């Protein structure tokens, strides 16, 4: 029997976010396996920018977009005034941290989706909703109430109320946790990206919980496995979002300054390139540590250029929080890096984290936490053009993280639950 699957995802092309790639690749490989796939997503707005992710339409996959037209005057104001957009985000953070009020404009997707979701609930066997935003799970809960026979798989690429990147007040986090537990009560199973997050979610929600990790699309990255071009000096590349006090390059910057102070690093000996949104605090850190000789902020670029930059790097920089609550976090970016076949230096995540375990399993990198001496050791080997002893890619282990393999896991889980219900 061919499964009829609805994927509820806010993130969908052209939204250029790492969260777009997981549902897109699932839809692609589910359709190739013979499943009938429908996407329910939101019509993208100015606050969803950048909207420059160009991925091919998937043959046989129906895409339903709901929401207001993006040409409204409000979006025009936000688009024309980046300062206003930053101010709006600051207001959201203030209300969340001080008053515990969580404001998310993407919540409106839930209201716009009601009619489409109700109609869709009669056409499918399985719902896969993927967080965030929270509205994806709330729409799935609505569909489940309308059609209790549906199998609902709730995917957590990130945590909801337990997200370490979200600045909730204590009362706000408690309120969000109550909403999460109420919303997820009808879910048949939970999917998440690491063993650590699975333990946390099972404890919170009391549901059968399965791990389908993030991964890479072999079709997308096959062209970046060979180094393109020759850099005159060793090049370290970071691609993606940064978060103050979480994805923080300060330990790397300290290592650069100390090597320079010790006479082991000249001003033109290597480069560190950052691709992604230009955050003022990154510029402040560069000035604070006086690392402008080596650190270059390239800004946001189209995805194809980001992948090309990875392919031309001598080493890839991964940043994640070293906080205990982030031990189970495995960003989708690390799998892009693994597929790019470049040594990965992970700063922030230390021993015992899910990222450290993944890099060890695949032989693709080293997690050094915030140990400046360990970073200096890695940089010295890079300056001496030495292949890191810890970089020993394990092809069999790496292939386990192919999106195609993961889609087969999702199909097997959906069939198992659909047969059982």
Protein backbone atom coordinates (compact mmCIF):
# COMPACT_ATOMS: atom_id res chain seq x y z
CA UNK A 1 0.00 0.00 0.00
CA UNK A 2 1.33 3.43 -0.95
CA UNK A 3 1.25 5.75 2.02
CA UNK A 4 -0.41 9.12 1.68
CA UNK A 5 1.73 11.51 3.71
CA UNK A 6 1.21 15.17 4.57
CA UNK A 7 4.31 17.07 5.68
CA UNK A 8 3.52 20.20 7.66
CA UNK A 9 6.49 22.52 7.49
CA UNK A 10 6.81 26.29 7.66
CA UNK A 11 10.30 26.05 6.19
CA UNK A 12 10.11 25.38 2.47
CA UNK A 13 11.82 26.86 -0.59
CA UNK A 14 12.50 29.66 -1.26
CA UNK A 15 13.13 30.22 2.48
CA UNK A 16 16.91 29.93 2.88
CA UNK A 17 17.16 28.25 6.28
CA UNK A 18 18.79 25.01 7.41
CA UNK A 19 15.34 23.87 8.58
CA UNK A 20 14.10 23.83 4.98
CA UNK A 21 16.41 21.03 3.91
CA UNK A 22 15.10 18.26 6.19
CA UNK A 23 11.44 18.29 5.02
CA UNK A 24 12.42 19.03 1.42
CA UNK A 25 14.71 16.02 1.20
CA UNK A 26 12.20 13.82 2.99
CA UNK A 27 9.53 14.79 0.48
CA UNK A 28 11.91 14.12 -2.39
CA UNK A 29 12.94 10.64 -1.30
CA UNK A 30 9.51 9.66 0.05
CA UNK A 31 8.07 10.44 -3.38
CA UNK A 32 10.82 8.42 -5.05
CA UNK A 33 9.93 5.48 -2.80
CA UNK A 34 6.33 5.54 -4.07
CA UNK A 35 4.59 7.50 -1.31
CA UNK A 36 2.02 10.14 -2.19
CA UNK A 37 3.30 13.34 -0.59
CA UNK A 38 1.55 16.65 0.06
CA UNK A 39 3.31 19.66 1.61
CA UNK A 40 1.34 22.16 3.68
CA UNK A 41 3.43 25.28 4.13
CA UNK A 42 3.13 29.05 4.55
CA UNK A 43 3.24 31.74 1.91
CA UNK A 44 6.52 33.44 2.76
CA UNK A 45 6.70 36.96 4.16
CA UNK A 46 9.37 39.64 4.43
CA UNK A 47 10.32 38.47 7.92
CA UNK A 48 11.14 35.05 6.41
CA UNK A 49 13.96 36.48 4.29
CA UNK A 50 16.27 35.54 2.74
CA UNK A 51 14.03 33.96 0.15
CA UNK A 52 16.69 32.94 -2.32
CA UNK A 53 16.89 29.17 -1.85
CA UNK A 54 16.41 27.72 -5.31
CA UNK A 55 15.60 24.02 -5.11
CA UNK A 56 13.91 22.16 -7.93
CA UNK A 57 10.20 21.35 -7.65
CA UNK A 58 9.76 17.70 -6.69
CA UNK A 59 7.98 15.57 -9.25
CA UNK A 60 4.71 14.18 -7.91
CA UNK A 61 4.72 16.27 -4.72
CA UNK A 62 1.81 18.66 -4.25
CA UNK A 63 2.62 21.90 -2.40
CA UNK A 64 -0.15 23.86 -0.69
CA UNK A 65 0.80 27.38 0.42
CA UNK A 66 -1.51 29.37 2.68
CA UNK A 67 -1.26 32.83 4.16
CA UNK A 68 -1.46 36.49 3.17
CA UNK A 69 0.15 37.83 0.05
CA UNK A 70 3.70 38.92 0.83
CA UNK A 71 3.24 42.26 -0.91
CA UNK A 72 1.31 43.82 1.98
CA UNK A 73 2.37 47.28 3.17
CA UNK A 74 3.67 45.85 6.44
CA UNK A 75 6.12 43.61 4.63
CA UNK A 76 7.21 46.48 2.43
CA UNK A 77 8.05 48.53 5.51
CA UNK A 78 10.06 45.71 7.05
CA UNK A 79 11.84 44.96 3.80
CA UNK A 80 12.83 48.58 3.27
CA UNK A 81 14.11 49.14 6.77
CA UNK A 82 16.48 46.54 8.19
CA UNK A 83 16.92 48.66 11.31
CA UNK A 84 13.17 48.44 11.95
CA UNK A 85 13.32 44.66 11.47
CA UNK A 86 16.13 44.38 14.05
CA UNK A 87 14.14 46.59 16.41
CA UNK A 88 11.08 44.36 16.03
CA UNK A 89 13.13 41.29 16.88
CA UNK A 90 14.52 43.06 19.94
CA UNK A 91 10.98 43.85 21.09
CA UNK A 92 10.02 40.19 20.71
CA UNK A 93 13.04 39.13 22.80
CA UNK A 94 12.19 41.74 25.45
CA UNK A 95 8.59 40.60 25.88
CA UNK A 96 9.72 36.98 26.00
CA UNK A 97 12.47 37.46 28.58
CA UNK A 98 10.80 40.06 30.82
CA UNK A 99 7.10 39.23 30.66
CA UNK A 100 7.24 35.61 29.51
CA UNK A 101 5.10 36.44 26.49
CA UNK A 102 6.09 34.57 23.34
CA UNK A 103 5.25 36.53 20.21
CA UNK A 104 5.84 34.84 16.87
CA UNK A 105 4.32 36.22 13.64
CA UNK A 106 4.47 32.70 12.23
CA UNK A 107 1.68 31.72 14.61
CA UNK A 108 -0.71 33.29 12.08
CA UNK A 109 0.06 30.38 9.76
CA UNK A 110 -2.12 28.23 12.02
CA UNK A 111 -5.18 30.41 11.46
CA UNK A 112 -4.67 30.61 7.72
CA UNK A 113 -4.20 26.83 7.50
CA UNK A 114 -7.47 25.70 9.08
CA UNK A 115 -9.48 25.16 5.90
CA UNK A 116 -6.61 23.54 4.00
CA UNK A 117 -5.70 21.35 6.99
CA UNK A 118 -9.29 20.14 7.43
CA UNK A 119 -9.56 19.23 3.74
CA UNK A 120 -6.16 17.56 3.80
CA UNK A 121 -7.08 15.41 6.81
CA UNK A 122 -9.48 13.41 4.60
CA UNK A 123 -6.84 12.74 1.92
CA UNK A 124 -3.87 11.32 3.84
CA UNK A 125 -2.96 8.49 6.17
CA UNK A 126 0.02 10.04 7.95
CA UNK A 127 0.90 13.55 9.16
CA UNK A 128 4.53 14.55 9.68
CA UNK A 129 4.81 17.95 11.36
CA UNK A 130 8.24 19.45 11.87
CA UNK A 131 9.21 22.04 14.49
CA UNK A 132 9.75 25.04 14.38
CA UNK A 133 7.75 27.10 14.49
CA UNK A 134 5.29 25.70 17.02
CA UNK A 135 2.40 26.35 14.63
CA UNK A 136 3.41 23.25 12.61
CA UNK A 137 2.60 20.98 15.55
CA UNK A 138 -0.52 22.97 16.43
CA UNK A 139 -1.89 22.51 12.90
CA UNK A 140 -1.15 18.78 13.11
CA UNK A 141 -3.01 18.60 16.43
CA UNK A 142 -6.00 20.25 14.77
CA UNK A 143 -5.93 17.68 11.93
CA UNK A 144 -5.69 14.84 14.44
CA UNK A 145 -8.75 16.13 16.29
CA UNK A 146 -10.68 16.29 13.02
CA UNK A 147 -9.54 12.80 11.94
CA UNK A 148 -8.39 10.69 14.95
CA UNK A 149 -7.51 7.75 12.68
CA UNK A 150 -4.58 9.68 11.20
CA UNK A 151 -1.09 8.70 12.29
CA UNK A 152 0.74 11.76 13.56
CA UNK A 153 4.55 11.79 13.68
CA UNK A 154 5.86 14.96 15.34
CA UNK A 155 9.39 15.84 14.29
CA UNK A 156 11.64 17.90 16.55
CA UNK A 157 14.66 19.19 14.67
CA UNK A 158 15.00 21.54 17.65
CA UNK A 159 13.40 21.53 21.06
CA UNK A 160 10.32 23.66 21.68
CA UNK A 161 9.99 24.80 25.29
CA UNK A 162 13.43 23.39 26.11
CA UNK A 163 15.29 25.21 23.33
CA UNK A 164 18.56 26.57 24.72
CA UNK A 165 18.63 29.35 22.13
CA UNK A 166 15.31 30.84 23.24
CA UNK A 167 15.52 33.49 25.93
CA UNK A 168 12.39 32.63 27.93
CA UNK A 169 11.71 34.03 31.38
CA UNK A 170 11.07 31.25 33.97
CA UNK A 171 7.32 31.90 33.84
CA UNK A 172 7.41 32.10 30.05
CA UNK A 173 9.16 28.74 29.77
CA UNK A 174 6.63 27.14 32.12
CA UNK A 175 3.77 28.59 30.08
CA UNK A 176 5.33 27.38 26.84
CA UNK A 177 5.88 23.92 28.32
CA UNK A 178 2.22 23.64 29.28
CA UNK A 179 1.22 24.64 25.74
CA UNK A 180 3.63 22.11 24.28
CA UNK A 181 2.35 19.22 26.41
CA UNK A 182 -1.26 20.08 25.62
CA UNK A 183 -0.55 20.34 21.89
CA UNK A 184 1.41 17.09 21.70
CA UNK A 185 -1.03 14.97 23.72
CA UNK A 186 -2.54 13.40 20.60
CA UNK A 187 0.73 12.67 18.76
CA UNK A 188 1.34 9.00 18.00
CA UNK A 189 5.13 9.25 18.10
CA UNK A 190 7.95 11.74 18.37
CA UNK A 191 10.95 11.96 16.03
CA UNK A 192 14.10 13.87 16.92
CA UNK A 193 17.72 14.19 15.84
CA UNK A 194 19.80 12.74 18.70
CA UNK A 195 19.67 10.24 21.55
CA UNK A 196 19.99 13.02 24.11
CA UNK A 197 17.01 14.95 22.76
CA UNK A 198 15.04 11.71 22.52
CA UNK A 199 15.52 11.07 26.24
CA UNK A 200 14.46 14.62 27.08
CA UNK A 201 11.37 14.54 24.86
CA UNK A 202 10.23 11.13 26.04
CA UNK A 203 10.48 12.30 29.63
CA UNK A 204 8.52 15.47 28.86
CA UNK A 205 5.84 14.09 26.55
CA UNK A 206 5.60 10.42 27.47
CA UNK A 207 5.40 9.33 23.83
CA UNK A 208 7.26 6.66 21.84
CA UNK A 209 10.32 8.52 20.60
CA UNK A 210 12.57 7.67 17.66
CA UNK A 211 15.82 9.14 16.37
CA UNK A 212 16.13 10.10 12.71
CA UNK A 213 19.17 12.37 12.67
CA UNK A 214 19.79 15.32 10.45
CA UNK A 215 21.77 14.50 7.36
CA UNK A 216 22.94 15.48 3.90
CA UNK A 217 21.48 15.07 0.45
CA UNK A 218 23.98 13.12 -1.68
CA UNK A 219 22.56 14.70 -4.83
CA UNK A 220 23.28 18.19 -3.53
CA UNK A 221 26.77 17.76 -2.17
CA UNK A 222 28.30 15.38 -4.71
CA UNK A 223 29.77 18.30 -6.63
CA UNK A 224 31.61 19.71 -3.60
CA UNK A 225 33.65 16.67 -2.56
CA UNK A 226 36.70 17.75 -4.51
CA UNK A 227 38.57 20.87 -3.44
CA UNK A 228 37.92 23.65 -5.92
CA UNK A 229 40.75 26.07 -6.54
CA UNK A 230 43.89 26.70 -4.53
CA UNK A 231 43.99 29.17 -1.66
CA UNK A 232 47.29 31.01 -1.23
CA UNK A 233 47.03 30.48 2.54
CA UNK A 234 45.11 27.96 4.67
CA UNK A 235 41.43 28.86 4.83
CA UNK A 236 38.93 28.13 7.60
CA UNK A 237 35.27 28.60 6.65
CA UNK A 238 32.12 29.00 8.73
CA UNK A 239 28.69 29.03 7.07
CA UNK A 240 25.41 29.67 8.84
CA UNK A 241 23.78 31.58 11.66
CA UNK A 242 25.58 32.87 14.73
CA UNK A 243 24.12 33.44 18.20
CA UNK A 244 25.69 35.62 20.86
CA UNK A 245 26.93 33.57 23.85
CA UNK A 246 25.95 30.34 22.11
CA UNK A 247 27.53 29.94 18.69
CA UNK A 248 30.42 32.07 19.76
CA UNK A 249 33.82 32.16 17.99
CA UNK A 250 35.59 33.87 20.94
CA UNK A 251 37.77 30.82 21.81
CA UNK A 252 39.05 30.73 18.21
CA UNK A 253 39.75 34.46 18.26
CA UNK A 254 41.68 34.11 21.53
CA UNK A 255 43.73 31.31 20.00
CA UNK A 256 44.60 33.48 16.99
CA UNK A 257 45.72 36.37 19.21
CA UNK A 258 47.84 34.14 21.43
CA UNK A 259 49.57 32.52 18.46
CA UNK A 260 50.26 35.97 17.05
CA UNK A 261 51.60 37.15 20.39
CA UNK A 262 53.87 34.10 20.58
CA UNK A 263 55.28 34.82 17.13
CA UNK A 264 53.75 31.66 15.64
CA UNK A 265 51.23 33.38 13.39
CA UNK A 266 51.87 36.22 10.96
CA UNK A 267 49.25 38.69 9.79
CA UNK A 268 48.85 37.01 6.40
CA UNK A 269 49.32 33.35 7.31
CA UNK A 270 45.69 32.18 7.18
CA UNK A 271 42.11 33.39 6.75
CA UNK A 272 38.88 32.66 8.59
CA UNK A 273 35.78 33.41 6.54
CA UNK A 274 32.27 33.80 7.94
CA UNK A 275 29.32 33.36 5.58
CA UNK A 276 25.89 34.28 6.94
CA UNK A 277 23.93 37.24 8.28
CA UNK A 278 26.13 40.13 9.35
CA UNK A 279 25.69 40.47 13.11
CA UNK A 280 27.06 43.63 14.74
CA UNK A 281 28.31 41.65 17.73
CA UNK A 282 30.58 39.59 15.47
CA UNK A 283 32.23 42.77 14.25
CA UNK A 284 32.58 43.83 17.89
CA UNK A 285 34.28 40.54 18.75
CA UNK A 286 36.67 40.93 15.83
CA UNK A 287 37.59 44.39 17.10
CA UNK A 288 37.81 43.22 20.73
CA UNK A 289 40.32 40.49 19.92
CA UNK A 290 42.01 42.47 17.11
CA UNK A 291 41.78 39.55 14.67
CA UNK A 292 40.84 41.57 11.59
CA UNK A 293 44.05 40.45 9.85
CA UNK A 294 42.67 36.91 9.62
CA UNK A 295 38.88 37.12 10.03
CA UNK A 296 36.74 38.17 7.07
CA UNK A 297 32.96 38.59 7.24
CA UNK A 298 31.56 37.67 3.83
CA UNK A 299 27.88 38.12 4.65
CA UNK A 300 24.95 36.12 3.39
CA UNK A 301 25.33 34.39 0.03
CA UNK A 302 23.14 32.04 -2.04
CA UNK A 303 23.26 28.43 -0.91
CA UNK A 304 25.23 27.27 -3.92
CA UNK A 305 27.98 29.77 -3.03
CA UNK A 306 27.92 28.59 0.58
CA UNK A 307 28.48 25.00 -0.54
CA UNK A 308 31.24 26.16 -2.89
CA UNK A 309 32.95 27.97 -0.03
CA UNK A 310 32.84 24.76 2.02
CA UNK A 311 34.37 22.88 -0.89
CA UNK A 312 37.23 25.37 -1.14
CA UNK A 313 38.06 25.37 2.57
CA UNK A 314 41.03 23.68 4.19
CA UNK A 315 39.04 23.35 7.41
CA UNK A 316 35.43 23.94 8.39
CA UNK A 317 34.46 25.68 11.62
CA UNK A 318 31.45 24.45 13.57
CA UNK A 319 30.09 26.50 16.46
CA UNK A 320 27.61 25.32 19.07
CA UNK A 321 26.94 26.00 22.72
CA UNK A 322 28.85 24.03 25.32
CA UNK A 323 26.02 24.43 27.86
CA UNK A 324 24.65 21.21 29.41
CA UNK A 325 21.22 21.80 27.88
CA UNK A 326 22.83 21.82 24.40
CA UNK A 327 24.62 18.46 24.75
CA UNK A 328 22.07 16.74 22.50
CA UNK A 329 21.92 19.44 19.83
CA UNK A 330 23.16 18.35 16.41
CA UNK A 331 22.71 21.15 13.91
CA UNK A 332 22.01 20.23 10.31
CA UNK A 333 25.08 22.21 9.31
CA UNK A 334 27.47 19.56 10.62
CA UNK A 335 26.18 17.04 8.07
CA UNK A 336 26.80 19.43 5.20
CA UNK A 337 30.32 19.78 6.53
CA UNK A 338 30.81 16.02 6.80
CA UNK A 339 29.62 15.56 3.22
CA UNK A 340 32.00 18.30 2.03
CA UNK A 341 34.91 16.05 3.08
CA UNK A 342 36.87 18.72 4.93
CA UNK A 343 38.29 18.43 8.47
CA UNK A 344 35.83 19.93 10.96
CA UNK A 345 36.93 21.92 14.00
CA UNK A 346 34.01 22.08 16.44
CA UNK A 347 34.26 24.88 19.00
CA UNK A 348 31.84 25.02 21.94
CA UNK A 349 30.65 21.42 22.00
CA UNK A 350 32.97 19.37 24.17
CA UNK A 351 33.55 15.73 24.97
CA UNK A 352 30.36 13.85 25.75
CA UNK A 353 28.20 15.96 23.45
CA UNK A 354 26.21 14.50 20.56
CA UNK A 355 28.33 16.52 18.12
CA UNK A 356 31.57 15.12 19.57
CA UNK A 357 30.21 11.59 19.30
CA UNK A 358 29.11 12.14 15.69
CA UNK A 359 32.50 13.56 14.64
CA UNK A 360 34.28 10.65 16.32
CA UNK A 361 31.98 8.07 14.71
CA UNK A 362 32.43 9.48 11.21
CA UNK A 363 36.11 10.40 11.68
CA UNK A 364 35.25 13.79 10.22
CA UNK A 365 36.35 16.20 12.90
CA UNK A 366 37.34 17.09 16.42
CA UNK A 367 35.29 18.75 19.17
CA UNK A 368 37.52 20.90 21.40
CA UNK A 369 34.93 22.69 23.53
CA UNK A 370 36.33 26.07 24.53
CA UNK A 371 39.91 24.85 25.07
CA UNK A 372 42.09 27.53 23.55
CA UNK A 373 45.25 25.39 23.74
CA UNK A 374 43.55 22.62 21.75
CA UNK A 375 42.47 25.14 19.12
CA UNK A 376 46.03 26.48 18.90
CA UNK A 377 47.31 22.96 18.35
CA UNK A 378 44.87 22.49 15.44
CA UNK A 379 45.82 25.87 13.93
CA UNK A 380 49.54 25.11 14.11
CA UNK A 381 49.06 21.84 12.23
CA UNK A 382 47.00 23.72 9.63
CA UNK A 383 49.74 26.33 9.22
CA UNK A 384 52.27 23.54 8.73
CA UNK A 385 50.06 21.97 6.03
CA UNK A 386 49.74 18.77 8.05
CA UNK A 387 46.74 16.52 7.69
CA UNK A 388 45.11 16.29 11.16
CA UNK A 389 45.66 12.86 12.70
CA UNK A 390 42.03 12.91 13.86
CA UNK A 391 40.67 13.36 10.34
CA UNK A 392 39.96 9.81 9.18
CA UNK A 393 36.59 9.81 7.33
CA UNK A 394 34.64 6.58 7.76
CA UNK A 395 32.60 6.21 4.57
CA UNK A 396 30.25 3.54 5.94
CA UNK A 397 29.44 5.67 8.98
CA UNK A 398 28.97 8.79 6.85
CA UNK A 399 26.51 7.10 4.48
CA UNK A 400 24.19 6.37 7.41
CA UNK A 401 23.45 10.10 7.44
CA UNK A 402 22.25 10.27 3.84
CA UNK A 403 18.80 11.86 3.57
CA UNK A 404 17.79 9.00 1.29
CA UNK A 405 18.58 6.49 4.03
CA UNK A 406 16.68 8.59 6.57
CA UNK A 407 13.59 8.80 4.34
CA UNK A 408 13.52 5.01 4.27
CA UNK A 409 13.57 5.04 8.08
CA UNK A 410 10.64 7.45 8.09
CA UNK A 411 8.65 5.28 5.68
CA UNK A 412 9.29 2.18 7.77
CA UNK A 413 8.18 3.96 10.94
CA UNK A 414 5.06 5.37 9.29
CA UNK A 415 4.11 1.95 7.85
CA UNK A 416 4.63 0.34 11.26
CA UNK A 417 2.40 2.82 13.06
CA UNK A 418 -0.24 2.90 10.29
CA UNK A 419 -0.50 -0.88 10.35
CA UNK A 420 -0.74 -0.90 14.13
CA UNK A 421 -3.52 1.71 14.27
